[in-house]
Amino acid sequence: MDVIEFLDNSGSVLVKRIPDDGYLEIIWGSQLTVRDTQEAVFFRDGKVFDIFGEG
């Protein structure tokens, strides 16, 4: 199982694309970790697909 998360110890990053360049295929059963000060926004075909809050 893959884990998708972004750690920002500085607290200064407003937006982060993962990966920085290229394409990322999310494997079925992957785990998404969203910290209490973060939101994860998934895009598909240039449109917002889903938004996840902390958890």
PDB file of N, CA and C in Angstrom:
ATOM      1  N   MET A   1       0.852  -1.184   0.000  1.00  0.00           N
ATOM      2  CA  MET A   1       0.000   0.000   0.000  1.00  0.00           C
ATOM      3  C   MET A   1       0.891   1.237   0.000  1.00  0.00           C
ATOM      4  N   ASP A   2       0.616   2.177  -0.866  1.00  0.00           N
ATOM      5  CA  ASP A   2       1.356   3.430  -0.931  1.00  0.00           C
ATOM      6  C   ASP A   2       0.712   4.465  -0.021  1.00  0.00           C
ATOM      7  N   VAL A   3       1.534   5.367   0.497  1.00  0.00           N
ATOM      8  CA  VAL A   3       1.056   6.460   1.341  1.00  0.00           C
ATOM      9  C   VAL A   3       1.334   7.768   0.620  1.00  0.00           C
ATOM     10  N   ILE A   4       0.315   8.617   0.508  1.00  0.00           N
ATOM     11  CA  ILE A   4       0.451   9.929  -0.117  1.00  0.00           C
ATOM     12  C   ILE A   4       0.366  10.958   1.005  1.00  0.00           C
ATOM     13  N   GLU A   5       1.441  11.729   1.172  1.00  0.00           N
ATOM     14  CA  GLU A   5       1.449  12.769   2.207  1.00  0.00           C
ATOM     15  C   GLU A   5       2.483  13.821   1.854  1.00  0.00           C
ATOM     16  N   PHE A   6       2.344  14.989   2.461  1.00  0.00           N
ATOM     17  CA  PHE A   6       3.295  16.076   2.274  1.00  0.00           C
ATOM     18  C   PHE A   6       3.611  16.656   3.639  1.00  0.00           C
ATOM     19  N   LEU A   7       4.887  16.650   3.989  1.00  0.00           N
ATOM     20  CA  LEU A   7       5.322  17.216   5.267  1.00  0.00           C
ATOM     21  C   LEU A   7       5.968  18.569   5.017  1.00  0.00           C
ATOM     22  N   ASP A   8       5.489  19.592   5.703  1.00  0.00           N
ATOM     23  CA  ASP A   8       6.032  20.946   5.582  1.00  0.00           C
ATOM     24  C   ASP A   8       6.355  21.453   6.982  1.00  0.00           C
ATOM     25  N   ASN A   9       7.580  21.233   7.421  1.00  0.00           N
ATOM     26  CA  ASN A   9       7.987  21.661   8.762  1.00  0.00           C
ATOM     27  C   ASN A   9       8.129  23.170   8.880  1.00  0.00           C
ATOM     28  N   SER A  10       8.291  23.868   7.745  1.00  0.00           N
ATOM     29  CA  SER A  10       8.463  25.322   7.786  1.00  0.00           C
ATOM     30  C   SER A  10       7.130  26.047   7.955  1.00  0.00           C
ATOM     31  N   GLY A  11       6.044  25.433   7.485  1.00  0.00           N
ATOM     32  CA  GLY A  11       4.743  26.081   7.554  1.00  0.00           C
ATOM     33  C   GLY A  11       4.573  27.205   6.552  1.00  0.00           C
ATOM     34  N   SER A  12       5.475  27.279   5.569  1.00  0.00           N
ATOM     35  CA  SER A  12       5.439  28.394   4.626  1.00  0.00           C
ATOM     36  C   SER A  12       4.952  28.009   3.228  1.00  0.00           C
ATOM     37  N   VAL A  13       4.650  26.741   3.000  1.00  0.00           N
ATOM     38  CA  VAL A  13       4.217  26.297   1.672  1.00  0.00           C
ATOM     39  C   VAL A  13       2.703  26.423   1.573  1.00  0.00           C
ATOM     40  N   LEU A  14       2.241  27.181   0.581  1.00  0.00           N
ATOM     41  CA  LEU A  14       0.810  27.390   0.394  1.00  0.00           C
ATOM     42  C   LEU A  14       0.205  26.331  -0.526  1.00  0.00           C
ATOM     43  N   VAL A  15       0.918  26.014  -1.612  1.00  0.00           N
ATOM     44  CA  VAL A  15       0.442  25.025  -2.580  1.00  0.00           C
ATOM     45  C   VAL A  15       1.610  24.138  -2.973  1.00  0.00           C
ATOM     46  N   LYS A  16       1.356  22.832  -3.081  1.00  0.00           N
ATOM     47  CA  LYS A  16       2.398  21.885  -3.481  1.00  0.00           C
ATOM     48  C   LYS A  16       1.807  20.851  -4.419  1.00  0.00           C
ATOM     49  N   ARG A  17       2.418  20.696  -5.573  1.00  0.00           N
ATOM     50  CA  ARG A  17       1.997  19.661  -6.516  1.00  0.00           C
ATOM     51  C   ARG A  17       2.828  18.402  -6.261  1.00  0.00           C
ATOM     52  N   ILE A  18       2.160  17.279  -6.198  1.00  0.00           N
ATOM     53  CA  ILE A  18       2.858  16.004  -6.020  1.00  0.00           C
ATOM     54  C   ILE A  18       2.462  15.096  -7.164  1.00  0.00           C
ATOM     55  N   PRO A  19       3.419  14.634  -7.961  1.00  0.00           N
ATOM     56  CA  PRO A  19       4.841  14.995  -7.964  1.00  0.00           C
ATOM     57  C   PRO A  19       5.053  16.364  -8.588  1.00  0.00           C
ATOM     58  N   ASP A  20       6.262  16.894  -8.434  1.00  0.00           N
ATOM     59  CA  ASP A  20       6.561  18.232  -8.949  1.00  0.00           C
ATOM     60  C   ASP A  20       6.340  18.343 -10.453  1.00  0.00           C
ATOM     61  N   ASP A  21       6.637  17.276 -11.168  1.00  0.00           N
ATOM     62  CA  ASP A  21       6.420  17.267 -12.612  1.00  0.00           C
ATOM     63  C   ASP A  21       5.982  15.863 -13.027  1.00  0.00           C
ATOM     64  N   GLY A  22       5.268  15.793 -14.099  1.00  0.00           N
ATOM     65  CA  GLY A  22       4.865  14.484 -14.590  1.00  0.00           C
ATOM     66  C   GLY A  22       3.537  14.012 -14.050  1.00  0.00           C
ATOM     67  N   TYR A  23       3.339  12.722 -14.192  1.00  0.00           N
ATOM     68  CA  TYR A  23       2.052  12.091 -13.923  1.00  0.00           C
ATOM     69  C   TYR A  23       2.179  11.150 -12.736  1.00  0.00           C
ATOM     70  N   LEU A  24       1.191  11.127 -11.886  1.00  0.00           N
ATOM     71  CA  LEU A  24       1.179  10.217 -10.747  1.00  0.00           C
ATOM     72  C   LEU A  24      -0.075   9.371 -10.814  1.00  0.00           C
ATOM     73  N   GLU A  25       0.107   8.080 -10.917  1.00  0.00           N
ATOM     74  CA  GLU A  25      -1.029   7.163 -10.885  1.00  0.00           C
ATOM     75  C   GLU A  25      -1.212   6.698  -9.452  1.00  0.00           C
ATOM     76  N   ILE A  26      -2.377   6.962  -8.896  1.00  0.00           N
ATOM     77  CA  ILE A  26      -2.663   6.552  -7.521  1.00  0.00           C
ATOM     78  C   ILE A  26      -3.140   5.109  -7.546  1.00  0.00           C
ATOM     79  N   ILE A  27      -2.450   4.270  -6.802  1.00  0.00           N
ATOM     80  CA  ILE A  27      -2.750   2.844  -6.764  1.00  0.00           C
ATOM     81  C   ILE A  27      -3.955   2.601  -5.850  1.00  0.00           C
ATOM     82  N   TRP A  28      -4.866   1.742  -6.296  1.00  0.00           N
ATOM     83  CA  TRP A  28      -6.045   1.393  -5.499  1.00  0.00           C
ATOM     84  C   TRP A  28      -5.588   0.880  -4.139  1.00  0.00           C
ATOM     85  N   GLY A  29      -6.167   1.407  -3.068  1.00  0.00           N
ATOM     86  CA  GLY A  29      -5.805   1.010  -1.716  1.00  0.00           C
ATOM     87  C   GLY A  29      -4.758   1.913  -1.086  1.00  0.00           C
ATOM     88  N   SER A  30      -4.311   2.944  -1.825  1.00  0.00           N
ATOM     89  CA  SER A  30      -3.335   3.881  -1.260  1.00  0.00           C
ATOM     90  C   SER A  30      -3.955   4.643  -0.098  1.00  0.00           C
ATOM     91  N   GLN A  31      -3.120   5.111   0.796  1.00  0.00           N
ATOM     92  CA  GLN A  31      -3.567   5.860   1.971  1.00  0.00           C
ATOM     93  C   GLN A  31      -3.171   7.323   1.818  1.00  0.00           C
ATOM     94  N   LEU A  32      -4.108   8.224   2.040  1.00  0.00           N
ATOM     95  CA  LEU A  32      -3.857   9.662   2.004  1.00  0.00           C
ATOM     96  C   LEU A  32      -3.810  10.177   3.433  1.00  0.00           C
ATOM     97  N   THR A  33      -2.725  10.882   3.767  1.00  0.00           N
ATOM     98  CA  THR A  33      -2.595  11.493   5.090  1.00  0.00           C
ATOM     99  C   THR A  33      -2.636  13.004   4.921  1.00  0.00           C
ATOM    100  N   VAL A  34      -3.615  13.654   5.558  1.00  0.00           N
ATOM    101  CA  VAL A  34      -3.759  15.111   5.502  1.00  0.00           C
ATOM    102  C   VAL A  34      -3.626  15.642   6.922  1.00  0.00           C
ATOM    103  N   ARG A  35      -2.655  16.489   7.145  1.00  0.00           N
ATOM    104  CA  ARG A  35      -2.384  17.051   8.484  1.00  0.00           C
ATOM    105  C   ARG A  35      -3.465  18.081   8.859  1.00  0.00           C
ATOM    106  N   ASP A  36      -3.506  18.459  10.142  1.00  0.00           N
ATOM    107  CA  ASP A  36      -4.564  19.354  10.639  1.00  0.00           C
ATOM    108  C   ASP A  36      -4.520  20.752  10.030  1.00  0.00           C
ATOM    109  N   THR A  37      -3.391  21.163   9.476  1.00  0.00           N
ATOM    110  CA  THR A  37      -3.292  22.488   8.856  1.00  0.00           C
ATOM    111  C   THR A  37      -3.326  22.405   7.333  1.00  0.00           C
ATOM    112  N   GLN A  38      -3.737  21.254   6.784  1.00  0.00           N
ATOM    113  CA  GLN A  38      -3.690  21.045   5.342  1.00  0.00           C
ATOM    114  C   GLN A  38      -5.057  20.671   4.768  1.00  0.00           C
ATOM    115  N   GLU A  39      -5.155  20.790   3.458  1.00  0.00           N
ATOM    116  CA  GLU A  39      -6.248  20.228   2.674  1.00  0.00           C
ATOM    117  C   GLU A  39      -5.613  19.598   1.443  1.00  0.00           C
ATOM    118  N   ALA A  40      -6.157  18.499   0.982  1.00  0.00           N
ATOM    119  CA  ALA A  40      -5.676  17.855  -0.239  1.00  0.00           C
ATOM    120  C   ALA A  40      -6.738  18.049  -1.316  1.00  0.00           C
ATOM    121  N   VAL A  41      -6.320  18.580  -2.453  1.00  0.00           N
ATOM    122  CA  VAL A  41      -7.239  18.814  -3.561  1.00  0.00           C
ATOM    123  C   VAL A  41      -6.772  17.955  -4.736  1.00  0.00           C
ATOM    124  N   PHE A  42      -7.637  17.074  -5.191  1.00  0.00           N
ATOM    125  CA  PHE A  42      -7.325  16.213  -6.326  1.00  0.00           C
ATOM    126  C   PHE A  42      -7.960  16.794  -7.580  1.00  0.00           C
ATOM    127  N   PHE A  43      -7.169  16.846  -8.654  1.00  0.00           N
ATOM    128  CA  PHE A  43      -7.636  17.352  -9.936  1.00  0.00           C
ATOM    129  C   PHE A  43      -7.668  16.219 -10.955  1.00  0.00           C
ATOM    130  N   ARG A  44      -8.638  16.289 -11.853  1.00  0.00           N
ATOM    131  CA  ARG A  44      -8.717  15.350 -12.969  1.00  0.00           C
ATOM    132  C   ARG A  44      -9.190  16.115 -14.190  1.00  0.00           C
ATOM    133  N   ASP A  45      -8.460  15.999 -15.270  1.00  0.00           N
ATOM    134  CA  ASP A  45      -8.775  16.690 -16.516  1.00  0.00           C
ATOM    135  C   ASP A  45      -8.901  18.194 -16.305  1.00  0.00           C
ATOM    136  N   GLY A  46      -8.060  18.753 -15.430  1.00  0.00           N
ATOM    137  CA  GLY A  46      -8.035  20.188 -15.201  1.00  0.00           C
ATOM    138  C   GLY A  46      -9.128  20.729 -14.296  1.00  0.00           C
ATOM    139  N   LYS A  47      -9.930  19.845 -13.695  1.00  0.00           N
ATOM    140  CA  LYS A  47     -11.018  20.270 -12.817  1.00  0.00           C
ATOM    141  C   LYS A  47     -10.860  19.627 -11.440  1.00  0.00           C
ATOM    142  N   VAL A  48     -11.367  20.312 -10.423  1.00  0.00           N
ATOM    143  CA  VAL A  48     -11.320  19.756  -9.073  1.00  0.00           C
ATOM    144  C   VAL A  48     -12.164  18.494  -9.036  1.00  0.00           C
ATOM    145  N   PHE A  49     -11.546  17.416  -8.611  1.00  0.00           N
ATOM    146  CA  PHE A  49     -12.216  16.118  -8.550  1.00  0.00           C
ATOM    147  C   PHE A  49     -12.727  15.837  -7.141  1.00  0.00           C
ATOM    148  N   ASP A  50     -11.906  16.164  -6.120  1.00  0.00           N
ATOM    149  CA  ASP A  50     -12.326  15.938  -4.732  1.00  0.00           C
ATOM    150  C   ASP A  50     -11.410  16.742  -3.811  1.00  0.00           C
ATOM    151  N   ILE A  51     -11.934  17.100  -2.635  1.00  0.00           N
ATOM    152  CA  ILE A  51     -11.182  17.832  -1.626  1.00  0.00           C
ATOM    153  C   ILE A  51     -11.260  17.058  -0.320  1.00  0.00           C
ATOM    154  N   PHE A  52     -10.098  16.874   0.315  1.00  0.00           N
ATOM    155  CA  PHE A  52     -10.035  16.136   1.573  1.00  0.00           C
ATOM    156  C   PHE A  52      -9.505  17.037   2.666  1.00  0.00           C
ATOM    157  N   GLY A  53     -10.150  17.024   3.816  1.00  0.00           N
ATOM    158  CA  GLY A  53      -9.679  17.752   4.992  1.00  0.00           C
ATOM    159  C   GLY A  53      -8.788  16.869   5.836  1.00  0.00           C
ATOM    160  N   GLU A  54      -8.452  17.355   7.010  1.00  0.00           N
ATOM    161  CA  GLU A  54      -7.542  16.606   7.864  1.00  0.00           C
ATOM    162  C   GLU A  54      -8.041  15.217   8.190  1.00  0.00           C
ATOM    163  N   GLY A  55      -7.105  14.328   8.325  1.00  0.00           N
ATOM    164  CA  GLY A  55      -7.464  12.955   8.686  1.00  0.00           C
ATOM    165  C   GLY A  55      -6.636  11.949   7.951  1.00  0.00           C
TER     166      GLY A  55
END
